[in-house]
Amino acid sequence: MKLPKTPSTSWCFGRQAGATYSGLHGKLGELIGLTVMESMRKALKLNEGLSEESQHSLFARLKRYRVTEETFIERFAGMDPMKEAVLADYIANVHAISANSEIITLASLFIHLLDQLGWGLLAAAEAANAAELILNSISSALGRGRACGKISAKASSSECIDEMLLCLVDEIAACALGLTPQEAEI
């Protein structure tokens, strides 16, 4: 196919494409997309306080699953017999773990696994097995060796998601308290 030689016209798949073509395969579409992405980043940062920095936290990542500092305090009550004497240190340790880049990365994989299970793209048994691998990696990154507990594949995906989240919270809580996997069994 011979293309005409006009300086203001480009051709795309046999169609004339100029300033009126703004699909993803044209420069105009690319520039529009980049502009919109940058504008959305700025708007989210200004209006909602959302940015790469604010989302680089375990709490920010787990917020949509309703896992908060309060969740860790509730789990603390079941793990530590000394209670109030070490609560401040425990919360400080949880926040330090929450800011650890390696833990955020592994937790992001864990959260994506929860999403896949919730969307029905993975079976409960598949998700439970993969969750244990990620939890063992988190445990290893925290210097604890093997993660505590085993995740059972529940009948419903929502039950499995709840159990997986509880295992993640327990693993981080146990590490924040300095418990070994055997001591953390509750």
N, C-alpha and C. Protein backbone atom coordinates (compact mmCIF):
# COMPACT_ATOMS: atom_id res chain seq x y z
N MET A 1 0.84 -1.18 0.00
CA MET A 1 0.00 0.00 0.00
C MET A 1 0.89 1.24 0.00
N LYS A 2 0.63 2.12 -0.88
CA LYS A 2 1.41 3.34 -0.99
C LYS A 2 0.72 4.46 -0.21
N LEU A 3 1.47 5.10 0.68
CA LEU A 3 0.91 6.17 1.49
C LEU A 3 1.17 7.52 0.84
N PRO A 4 0.18 8.41 0.90
CA PRO A 4 0.39 9.74 0.33
C PRO A 4 1.41 10.51 1.15
N LYS A 5 2.12 11.41 0.52
CA LYS A 5 3.16 12.18 1.18
C LYS A 5 2.67 13.60 1.45
N THR A 6 1.94 13.76 2.53
CA THR A 6 1.52 15.10 2.93
C THR A 6 2.06 15.35 4.33
N PRO A 7 2.63 16.50 4.62
CA PRO A 7 3.28 16.73 5.90
C PRO A 7 2.32 16.77 7.09
N SER A 8 1.06 17.11 6.90
CA SER A 8 0.15 17.26 8.03
C SER A 8 -0.68 16.01 8.27
N THR A 9 -0.42 14.95 7.56
CA THR A 9 -1.24 13.75 7.67
C THR A 9 -0.36 12.56 8.00
N SER A 10 -0.83 11.75 8.97
CA SER A 10 -0.16 10.48 9.24
C SER A 10 -1.20 9.39 9.01
N TRP A 11 -0.73 8.20 8.81
CA TRP A 11 -1.65 7.10 8.52
C TRP A 11 -1.52 6.05 9.60
N CYS A 12 -2.65 5.50 9.99
CA CYS A 12 -2.68 4.46 11.04
C CYS A 12 -3.60 3.36 10.59
N PHE A 13 -3.07 2.20 10.30
CA PHE A 13 -3.86 1.05 9.87
C PHE A 13 -4.75 1.38 8.68
N GLY A 14 -4.20 2.09 7.73
CA GLY A 14 -4.95 2.40 6.51
C GLY A 14 -5.93 3.55 6.67
N ARG A 15 -6.01 4.15 7.85
CA ARG A 15 -6.92 5.28 8.06
C ARG A 15 -6.10 6.54 8.19
N GLN A 16 -6.69 7.61 7.77
CA GLN A 16 -6.02 8.88 7.95
C GLN A 16 -6.12 9.25 9.42
N ALA A 17 -5.01 9.63 10.02
CA ALA A 17 -5.00 9.99 11.43
C ALA A 17 -4.25 11.29 11.60
N GLY A 18 -4.92 12.28 12.02
CA GLY A 18 -4.30 13.57 12.27
C GLY A 18 -4.66 14.03 13.66
N ALA A 19 -4.91 15.29 13.83
CA ALA A 19 -5.27 15.85 15.12
C ALA A 19 -6.64 15.36 15.59
N THR A 20 -7.41 14.73 14.73
CA THR A 20 -8.73 14.25 15.14
C THR A 20 -8.68 12.83 15.71
N TYR A 21 -7.57 12.13 15.59
CA TYR A 21 -7.43 10.79 16.13
C TYR A 21 -6.75 10.88 17.49
N SER A 22 -7.45 10.46 18.54
CA SER A 22 -6.86 10.55 19.87
C SER A 22 -6.88 9.22 20.60
N GLY A 23 -6.79 8.12 19.87
CA GLY A 23 -6.73 6.80 20.48
C GLY A 23 -5.39 6.55 21.14
N LEU A 24 -5.29 5.43 21.82
CA LEU A 24 -4.07 5.11 22.56
C LEU A 24 -2.84 4.92 21.68
N HIS A 25 -3.07 4.66 20.39
CA HIS A 25 -1.94 4.42 19.49
C HIS A 25 -1.48 5.68 18.78
N GLY A 26 -1.98 6.82 19.20
CA GLY A 26 -1.56 8.08 18.60
C GLY A 26 -0.93 8.97 19.65
N LYS A 27 -0.12 9.89 19.20
CA LYS A 27 0.58 10.78 20.12
C LYS A 27 -0.39 11.66 20.90
N LEU A 28 -1.45 12.14 20.25
CA LEU A 28 -2.43 12.97 20.93
C LEU A 28 -3.10 12.20 22.07
N GLY A 29 -3.48 10.95 21.83
CA GLY A 29 -4.09 10.13 22.88
C GLY A 29 -3.13 9.89 24.03
N GLU A 30 -1.87 9.66 23.71
CA GLU A 30 -0.86 9.46 24.75
C GLU A 30 -0.73 10.72 25.61
N LEU A 31 -0.67 11.86 24.98
CA LEU A 31 -0.52 13.12 25.72
C LEU A 31 -1.74 13.42 26.57
N ILE A 32 -2.93 13.15 26.04
CA ILE A 32 -4.15 13.35 26.82
C ILE A 32 -4.13 12.43 28.05
N GLY A 33 -3.78 11.17 27.85
CA GLY A 33 -3.71 10.21 28.95
C GLY A 33 -2.73 10.63 30.02
N LEU A 34 -1.54 11.07 29.63
CA LEU A 34 -0.53 11.52 30.59
C LEU A 34 -1.01 12.74 31.36
N THR A 35 -1.67 13.66 30.68
CA THR A 35 -2.17 14.87 31.32
C THR A 35 -3.26 14.53 32.33
N VAL A 36 -4.17 13.65 31.95
CA VAL A 36 -5.24 13.25 32.86
C VAL A 36 -4.67 12.54 34.09
N MET A 37 -3.72 11.64 33.89
CA MET A 37 -3.11 10.92 35.02
C MET A 37 -2.44 11.89 35.99
N GLU A 38 -1.68 12.83 35.47
CA GLU A 38 -0.99 13.80 36.33
C GLU A 38 -2.00 14.68 37.07
N SER A 39 -3.05 15.09 36.38
CA SER A 39 -4.09 15.91 37.01
C SER A 39 -4.80 15.15 38.12
N MET A 40 -5.09 13.87 37.88
CA MET A 40 -5.75 13.06 38.90
C MET A 40 -4.86 12.86 40.11
N ARG A 41 -3.57 12.65 39.91
CA ARG A 41 -2.64 12.51 41.03
C ARG A 41 -2.65 13.76 41.90
N LYS A 42 -2.57 14.92 41.22
CA LYS A 42 -2.56 16.19 41.96
C LYS A 42 -3.87 16.41 42.70
N ALA A 43 -4.99 16.13 42.04
CA ALA A 43 -6.30 16.33 42.67
C ALA A 43 -6.48 15.42 43.88
N LEU A 44 -6.09 14.15 43.74
CA LEU A 44 -6.22 13.22 44.86
C LEU A 44 -5.33 13.64 46.04
N LYS A 45 -4.16 14.15 45.73
CA LYS A 45 -3.27 14.60 46.80
C LYS A 45 -3.83 15.84 47.50
N LEU A 46 -4.33 16.80 46.72
CA LEU A 46 -4.86 18.03 47.31
C LEU A 46 -6.19 17.82 48.03
N ASN A 47 -7.10 17.07 47.44
CA ASN A 47 -8.44 16.92 48.01
C ASN A 47 -8.55 15.83 49.06
N GLU A 48 -7.87 14.72 48.85
CA GLU A 48 -8.03 13.57 49.73
C GLU A 48 -6.78 13.24 50.54
N GLY A 49 -5.69 13.92 50.25
CA GLY A 49 -4.44 13.62 50.94
C GLY A 49 -3.81 12.31 50.50
N LEU A 50 -4.24 11.79 49.34
CA LEU A 50 -3.71 10.53 48.83
C LEU A 50 -2.49 10.79 47.95
N SER A 51 -1.41 10.11 48.25
CA SER A 51 -0.20 10.22 47.45
C SER A 51 0.57 8.92 47.59
N GLU A 52 1.64 8.81 46.83
CA GLU A 52 2.47 7.62 46.93
C GLU A 52 2.99 7.47 48.36
N GLU A 53 3.36 8.60 48.98
CA GLU A 53 3.91 8.57 50.33
C GLU A 53 2.85 8.15 51.36
N SER A 54 1.64 8.69 51.22
CA SER A 54 0.60 8.38 52.21
C SER A 54 0.11 6.93 52.08
N GLN A 55 0.25 6.34 50.92
CA GLN A 55 -0.19 4.97 50.71
C GLN A 55 0.91 3.95 51.00
N HIS A 56 2.12 4.43 51.32
CA HIS A 56 3.24 3.53 51.60
C HIS A 56 3.22 3.14 53.08
N SER A 57 2.14 2.46 53.46
CA SER A 57 1.94 2.05 54.84
C SER A 57 1.02 0.83 54.85
N LEU A 58 1.29 -0.06 55.75
CA LEU A 58 0.45 -1.24 55.88
C LEU A 58 -0.97 -0.85 56.26
N PHE A 59 -1.12 0.14 57.14
CA PHE A 59 -2.45 0.59 57.55
C PHE A 59 -3.24 1.15 56.37
N ALA A 60 -2.57 1.93 55.53
CA ALA A 60 -3.26 2.50 54.35
C ALA A 60 -3.71 1.39 53.41
N ARG A 61 -2.88 0.38 53.23
CA ARG A 61 -3.22 -0.72 52.32
C ARG A 61 -4.36 -1.59 52.86
N LEU A 62 -4.40 -1.77 54.18
CA LEU A 62 -5.40 -2.66 54.79
C LEU A 62 -6.69 -1.93 55.20
N LYS A 63 -6.72 -0.63 55.04
CA LYS A 63 -7.87 0.16 55.48
C LYS A 63 -9.18 -0.32 54.86
N ARG A 64 -9.17 -0.66 53.59
CA ARG A 64 -10.42 -1.08 52.94
C ARG A 64 -10.92 -2.43 53.43
N TYR A 65 -10.06 -3.17 54.13
CA TYR A 65 -10.49 -4.42 54.76
C TYR A 65 -10.79 -4.19 56.25
N ARG A 66 -10.89 -2.93 56.64
CA ARG A 66 -11.22 -2.51 58.00
C ARG A 66 -10.20 -2.99 59.04
N VAL A 67 -8.95 -3.08 58.63
CA VAL A 67 -7.87 -3.40 59.56
C VAL A 67 -7.21 -2.08 59.92
N THR A 68 -7.30 -1.72 61.20
CA THR A 68 -6.79 -0.44 61.69
C THR A 68 -5.90 -0.68 62.91
N GLU A 69 -5.40 0.40 63.46
CA GLU A 69 -4.63 0.29 64.70
C GLU A 69 -5.48 -0.36 65.79
N GLU A 70 -6.76 -0.04 65.82
CA GLU A 70 -7.67 -0.62 66.81
C GLU A 70 -7.72 -2.15 66.68
N THR A 71 -7.65 -2.66 65.47
CA THR A 71 -7.64 -4.11 65.25
C THR A 71 -6.44 -4.74 65.95
N PHE A 72 -5.29 -4.08 65.83
CA PHE A 72 -4.08 -4.60 66.47
C PHE A 72 -4.16 -4.51 67.99
N ILE A 73 -4.82 -3.47 68.50
CA ILE A 73 -5.00 -3.33 69.95
C ILE A 73 -5.90 -4.45 70.47
N GLU A 74 -6.96 -4.77 69.73
CA GLU A 74 -7.85 -5.86 70.13
C GLU A 74 -7.11 -7.20 70.15
N ARG A 75 -6.26 -7.45 69.15
CA ARG A 75 -5.50 -8.70 69.12
C ARG A 75 -4.47 -8.73 70.25
N PHE A 76 -3.93 -7.58 70.60
CA PHE A 76 -2.96 -7.46 71.69
C PHE A 76 -3.57 -7.95 73.00
N ALA A 77 -4.83 -7.59 73.23
CA ALA A 77 -5.50 -7.99 74.48
C ALA A 77 -5.53 -9.51 74.62
N GLY A 78 -5.63 -10.23 73.51
CA GLY A 78 -5.66 -11.68 73.57
C GLY A 78 -4.28 -12.32 73.62
N MET A 79 -3.24 -11.55 73.36
CA MET A 79 -1.90 -12.13 73.28
C MET A 79 -1.02 -11.85 74.48
N ASP A 80 -1.16 -10.69 75.08
CA ASP A 80 -0.20 -10.30 76.11
C ASP A 80 -0.85 -10.24 77.49
N PRO A 81 -0.37 -11.07 78.41
CA PRO A 81 -0.94 -11.05 79.76
C PRO A 81 -0.58 -9.79 80.54
N MET A 82 0.47 -9.08 80.16
CA MET A 82 0.89 -7.89 80.90
C MET A 82 0.01 -6.68 80.57
N LYS A 83 -0.74 -6.76 79.51
CA LYS A 83 -1.69 -5.73 79.07
C LYS A 83 -1.06 -4.34 78.97
N GLU A 84 -1.57 -3.41 79.75
CA GLU A 84 -1.26 -1.99 79.60
C GLU A 84 0.23 -1.65 79.76
N ALA A 85 0.97 -2.46 80.46
CA ALA A 85 2.37 -2.14 80.74
C ALA A 85 3.20 -1.99 79.47
N VAL A 86 2.86 -2.73 78.42
CA VAL A 86 3.67 -2.69 77.21
C VAL A 86 2.87 -2.24 75.98
N LEU A 87 1.66 -1.73 76.17
CA LEU A 87 0.81 -1.35 75.05
C LEU A 87 1.46 -0.27 74.18
N ALA A 88 2.05 0.74 74.78
CA ALA A 88 2.67 1.82 74.01
C ALA A 88 3.82 1.29 73.15
N ASP A 89 4.65 0.43 73.73
CA ASP A 89 5.75 -0.17 72.96
C ASP A 89 5.22 -1.03 71.82
N TYR A 90 4.18 -1.79 72.12
CA TYR A 90 3.55 -2.65 71.12
C TYR A 90 3.04 -1.83 69.93
N ILE A 91 2.31 -0.75 70.20
CA ILE A 91 1.76 0.10 69.13
C ILE A 91 2.90 0.73 68.33
N ALA A 92 3.95 1.17 69.01
CA ALA A 92 5.11 1.73 68.31
C ALA A 92 5.74 0.69 67.39
N ASN A 93 5.84 -0.56 67.87
CA ASN A 93 6.40 -1.64 67.05
C ASN A 93 5.51 -1.95 65.85
N VAL A 94 4.19 -1.95 66.05
CA VAL A 94 3.26 -2.19 64.94
C VAL A 94 3.43 -1.11 63.87
N HIS A 95 3.57 0.14 64.31
CA HIS A 95 3.75 1.23 63.34
C HIS A 95 5.09 1.12 62.62
N ALA A 96 6.12 0.68 63.32
CA ALA A 96 7.43 0.49 62.67
C ALA A 96 7.34 -0.61 61.62
N ILE A 97 6.65 -1.70 61.95
CA ILE A 97 6.46 -2.79 60.99
C ILE A 97 5.63 -2.29 59.81
N SER A 98 4.61 -1.49 60.10
CA SER A 98 3.72 -0.95 59.08
C SER A 98 4.45 -0.09 58.06
N ALA A 99 5.57 0.51 58.47
CA ALA A 99 6.33 1.39 57.57
C ALA A 99 7.48 0.66 56.87
N ASN A 100 7.69 -0.61 57.18
CA ASN A 100 8.78 -1.39 56.59
C ASN A 100 8.47 -1.69 55.12
N SER A 101 9.33 -1.25 54.21
CA SER A 101 9.09 -1.40 52.77
C SER A 101 8.91 -2.85 52.34
N GLU A 102 9.70 -3.75 52.90
CA GLU A 102 9.59 -5.16 52.52
C GLU A 102 8.24 -5.74 52.97
N ILE A 103 7.82 -5.35 54.16
CA ILE A 103 6.52 -5.83 54.67
C ILE A 103 5.38 -5.24 53.83
N ILE A 104 5.48 -3.98 53.45
CA ILE A 104 4.44 -3.35 52.62
C ILE A 104 4.35 -4.08 51.28
N THR A 105 5.48 -4.41 50.70
CA THR A 105 5.49 -5.13 49.43
C THR A 105 4.82 -6.49 49.56
N LEU A 106 5.21 -7.25 50.57
CA LEU A 106 4.62 -8.58 50.77
C LEU A 106 3.13 -8.48 51.13
N ALA A 107 2.78 -7.51 51.94
CA ALA A 107 1.37 -7.32 52.31
C ALA A 107 0.54 -6.92 51.09
N SER A 108 1.13 -6.17 50.17
CA SER A 108 0.43 -5.81 48.94
C SER A 108 0.11 -7.05 48.12
N LEU A 109 1.05 -7.97 48.06
CA LEU A 109 0.79 -9.25 47.39
C LEU A 109 -0.31 -10.03 48.10
N PHE A 110 -0.26 -10.01 49.42
CA PHE A 110 -1.27 -10.69 50.23
C PHE A 110 -2.66 -10.09 49.97
N ILE A 111 -2.73 -8.77 49.93
CA ILE A 111 -4.01 -8.08 49.70
C ILE A 111 -4.53 -8.38 48.30
N HIS A 112 -3.63 -8.44 47.33
CA HIS A 112 -4.07 -8.79 45.97
C HIS A 112 -4.62 -10.22 45.95
N LEU A 113 -4.03 -11.09 46.73
CA LEU A 113 -4.53 -12.45 46.86
C LEU A 113 -5.96 -12.45 47.44
N LEU A 114 -6.18 -11.61 48.44
CA LEU A 114 -7.53 -11.46 49.01
C LEU A 114 -8.52 -10.97 47.94
N ASP A 115 -8.07 -10.01 47.13
CA ASP A 115 -8.92 -9.50 46.05
C ASP A 115 -9.26 -10.60 45.06
N GLN A 116 -8.27 -11.37 44.66
CA GLN A 116 -8.48 -12.46 43.70
C GLN A 116 -9.49 -13.48 44.25
N LEU A 117 -9.38 -13.78 45.53
CA LEU A 117 -10.31 -14.71 46.17
C LEU A 117 -11.72 -14.10 46.20
N GLY A 118 -11.80 -12.84 46.57
CA GLY A 118 -13.10 -12.16 46.63
C GLY A 118 -13.77 -12.06 45.27
N TRP A 119 -12.99 -11.92 44.22
CA TRP A 119 -13.54 -11.81 42.87
C TRP A 119 -13.88 -13.18 42.27
N GLY A 120 -13.55 -14.24 42.99
CA GLY A 120 -13.83 -15.58 42.50
C GLY A 120 -12.82 -16.09 41.48
N LEU A 121 -11.67 -15.44 41.39
CA LEU A 121 -10.65 -15.85 40.43
C LEU A 121 -9.73 -16.94 40.98
N LEU A 122 -9.76 -17.12 42.30
CA LEU A 122 -9.01 -18.20 42.94
C LEU A 122 -9.95 -18.95 43.87
N ALA A 123 -9.73 -20.23 44.00
CA ALA A 123 -10.47 -21.04 44.96
C ALA A 123 -9.89 -20.80 46.36
N ALA A 124 -10.67 -21.09 47.37
CA ALA A 124 -10.24 -20.87 48.75
C ALA A 124 -8.96 -21.64 49.06
N ALA A 125 -8.87 -22.88 48.61
CA ALA A 125 -7.67 -23.70 48.89
C ALA A 125 -6.43 -23.10 48.22
N GLU A 126 -6.58 -22.62 46.99
CA GLU A 126 -5.45 -22.00 46.29
C GLU A 126 -4.98 -20.75 47.03
N ALA A 127 -5.94 -19.92 47.43
CA ALA A 127 -5.61 -18.68 48.12
C ALA A 127 -4.98 -18.96 49.48
N ALA A 128 -5.50 -19.95 50.19
CA ALA A 128 -4.97 -20.30 51.51
C ALA A 128 -3.52 -20.77 51.40
N ASN A 129 -3.22 -21.59 50.40
CA ASN A 129 -1.84 -22.07 50.21
C ASN A 129 -0.90 -20.91 49.88
N ALA A 130 -1.32 -20.05 48.97
CA ALA A 130 -0.48 -18.90 48.61
C ALA A 130 -0.33 -17.94 49.78
N ALA A 131 -1.39 -17.76 50.56
CA ALA A 131 -1.33 -16.87 51.72
C ALA A 131 -0.30 -17.37 52.73
N GLU A 132 -0.24 -18.68 52.93
CA GLU A 132 0.76 -19.24 53.85
C GLU A 132 2.18 -18.96 53.36
N LEU A 133 2.39 -19.06 52.07
CA LEU A 133 3.72 -18.75 51.52
C LEU A 133 4.09 -17.29 51.78
N ILE A 134 3.14 -16.39 51.54
CA ILE A 134 3.40 -14.97 51.76
C ILE A 134 3.59 -14.70 53.25
N LEU A 135 2.76 -15.30 54.11
CA LEU A 135 2.92 -15.11 55.55
C LEU A 135 4.28 -15.62 56.04
N ASN A 136 4.74 -16.73 55.48
CA ASN A 136 6.08 -17.22 55.85
C ASN A 136 7.16 -16.24 55.40
N SER A 137 6.97 -15.62 54.25
CA SER A 137 7.92 -14.60 53.79
C SER A 137 7.89 -13.38 54.70
N ILE A 138 6.69 -12.98 55.11
CA ILE A 138 6.57 -11.85 56.04
C ILE A 138 7.25 -12.20 57.36
N SER A 139 6.98 -13.39 57.86
CA SER A 139 7.57 -13.85 59.11
C SER A 139 9.10 -13.87 59.02
N SER A 140 9.60 -14.36 57.91
CA SER A 140 11.04 -14.40 57.69
C SER A 140 11.63 -12.99 57.63
N ALA A 141 10.93 -12.08 56.95
CA ALA A 141 11.40 -10.69 56.85
C ALA A 141 11.42 -10.02 58.22
N LEU A 142 10.56 -10.48 59.12
CA LEU A 142 10.52 -9.93 60.47
C LEU A 142 11.45 -10.67 61.43
N GLY A 143 12.20 -11.64 60.88
CA GLY A 143 13.17 -12.37 61.69
C GLY A 143 12.57 -13.41 62.60
N ARG A 144 11.40 -13.95 62.22
CA ARG A 144 10.70 -14.89 63.09
C ARG A 144 10.73 -16.33 62.60
N GLY A 145 11.21 -16.59 61.40
CA GLY A 145 11.15 -17.95 60.89
C GLY A 145 9.77 -18.27 60.34
N ARG A 146 9.21 -19.37 60.75
CA ARG A 146 7.92 -19.80 60.21
C ARG A 146 6.76 -19.04 60.86
N ALA A 147 5.77 -18.70 60.03
CA ALA A 147 4.59 -18.00 60.52
C ALA A 147 3.77 -18.92 61.42
N CYS A 148 3.03 -18.30 62.33
CA CYS A 148 2.20 -19.09 63.23
C CYS A 148 0.89 -19.50 62.56
N GLY A 149 0.43 -20.67 62.91
CA GLY A 149 -0.87 -21.14 62.44
C GLY A 149 -0.89 -21.60 61.00
N LYS A 150 -1.98 -22.26 60.66
CA LYS A 150 -2.22 -22.73 59.30
C LYS A 150 -3.59 -22.23 58.89
N ILE A 151 -3.70 -21.77 57.66
CA ILE A 151 -4.97 -21.25 57.15
C ILE A 151 -5.75 -22.41 56.56
N SER A 152 -6.97 -22.58 57.01
CA SER A 152 -7.81 -23.63 56.44
C SER A 152 -8.67 -23.03 55.34
N ALA A 153 -8.89 -23.81 54.31
CA ALA A 153 -9.74 -23.36 53.20
C ALA A 153 -11.19 -23.47 53.65
N LYS A 154 -11.80 -22.34 53.86
CA LYS A 154 -13.19 -22.29 54.32
C LYS A 154 -14.13 -22.52 53.14
N ALA A 155 -15.39 -22.81 53.48
CA ALA A 155 -16.40 -23.06 52.45
C ALA A 155 -16.66 -21.81 51.61
N SER A 156 -16.76 -20.67 52.26
CA SER A 156 -17.05 -19.45 51.50
C SER A 156 -15.80 -18.59 51.40
N SER A 157 -15.73 -17.81 50.35
CA SER A 157 -14.56 -16.96 50.16
C SER A 157 -14.50 -15.88 51.24
N SER A 158 -15.64 -15.38 51.71
CA SER A 158 -15.61 -14.34 52.74
C SER A 158 -15.06 -14.88 54.05
N GLU A 159 -15.38 -16.13 54.40
CA GLU A 159 -14.81 -16.75 55.60
C GLU A 159 -13.31 -16.93 55.46
N CYS A 160 -12.88 -17.34 54.28
CA CYS A 160 -11.45 -17.54 54.03
C CYS A 160 -10.71 -16.20 54.08
N ILE A 161 -11.31 -15.15 53.52
CA ILE A 161 -10.71 -13.82 53.57
C ILE A 161 -10.55 -13.37 55.01
N ASP A 162 -11.60 -13.58 55.83
CA ASP A 162 -11.53 -13.19 57.24
C ASP A 162 -10.42 -13.94 57.97
N GLU A 163 -10.30 -15.23 57.71
CA GLU A 163 -9.26 -16.01 58.38
C GLU A 163 -7.86 -15.58 57.91
N MET A 164 -7.73 -15.32 56.63
CA MET A 164 -6.43 -14.89 56.11
C MET A 164 -6.02 -13.55 56.72
N LEU A 165 -6.97 -12.61 56.82
CA LEU A 165 -6.67 -11.31 57.43
C LEU A 165 -6.28 -11.47 58.89
N LEU A 166 -6.99 -12.34 59.60
CA LEU A 166 -6.68 -12.59 61.01
C LEU A 166 -5.27 -13.15 61.15
N CYS A 167 -4.88 -14.05 60.27
CA CYS A 167 -3.52 -14.61 60.32
C CYS A 167 -2.47 -13.53 60.07
N LEU A 168 -2.74 -12.63 59.12
CA LEU A 168 -1.80 -11.53 58.84
C LEU A 168 -1.67 -10.63 60.06
N VAL A 169 -2.80 -10.24 60.63
CA VAL A 169 -2.78 -9.37 61.82
C VAL A 169 -2.07 -10.07 62.97
N ASP A 170 -2.37 -11.34 63.19
CA ASP A 170 -1.72 -12.08 64.28
C ASP A 170 -0.22 -12.18 64.09
N GLU A 171 0.21 -12.38 62.86
CA GLU A 171 1.64 -12.49 62.58
C GLU A 171 2.35 -11.18 62.93
N ILE A 172 1.78 -10.07 62.50
CA ILE A 172 2.39 -8.77 62.77
C ILE A 172 2.30 -8.44 64.26
N ALA A 173 1.15 -8.75 64.87
CA ALA A 173 0.98 -8.50 66.31
C ALA A 173 1.98 -9.31 67.13
N ALA A 174 2.16 -10.57 66.79
CA ALA A 174 3.10 -11.42 67.53
C ALA A 174 4.52 -10.89 67.39
N CYS A 175 4.87 -10.45 66.20
CA CYS A 175 6.21 -9.90 66.00
C CYS A 175 6.38 -8.61 66.80
N ALA A 176 5.35 -7.76 66.81
CA ALA A 176 5.42 -6.49 67.55
C ALA A 176 5.59 -6.74 69.05
N LEU A 177 5.08 -7.88 69.52
CA LEU A 177 5.24 -8.24 70.93
C LEU A 177 6.53 -9.00 71.20
N GLY A 178 7.21 -9.42 70.12
CA GLY A 178 8.44 -10.18 70.27
C GLY A 178 8.20 -11.63 70.63
N LEU A 179 7.03 -12.16 70.27
CA LEU A 179 6.70 -13.54 70.58
C LEU A 179 7.23 -14.48 69.49
N THR A 180 7.62 -15.66 69.88
CA THR A 180 7.99 -16.68 68.90
C THR A 180 6.70 -17.26 68.32
N PRO A 181 6.77 -17.95 67.19
CA PRO A 181 5.56 -18.57 66.65
C PRO A 181 4.86 -19.50 67.64
N GLN A 182 5.62 -20.23 68.48
CA GLN A 182 5.02 -21.13 69.46
C GLN A 182 4.32 -20.33 70.56
N GLU A 183 4.93 -19.25 71.00
CA GLU A 183 4.32 -18.43 72.05
C GLU A 183 3.08 -17.69 71.55
N ALA A 184 3.02 -17.44 70.24
CA ALA A 184 1.93 -16.66 69.67
C ALA A 184 0.67 -17.46 69.45
N GLU A 185 0.72 -18.78 69.57
CA GLU A 185 -0.49 -19.60 69.37
C GLU A 185 -1.53 -19.22 70.41
N ILE A 186 -2.67 -18.72 69.92
CA ILE A 186 -3.74 -18.32 70.86
C ILE A 186 -5.03 -19.01 70.50
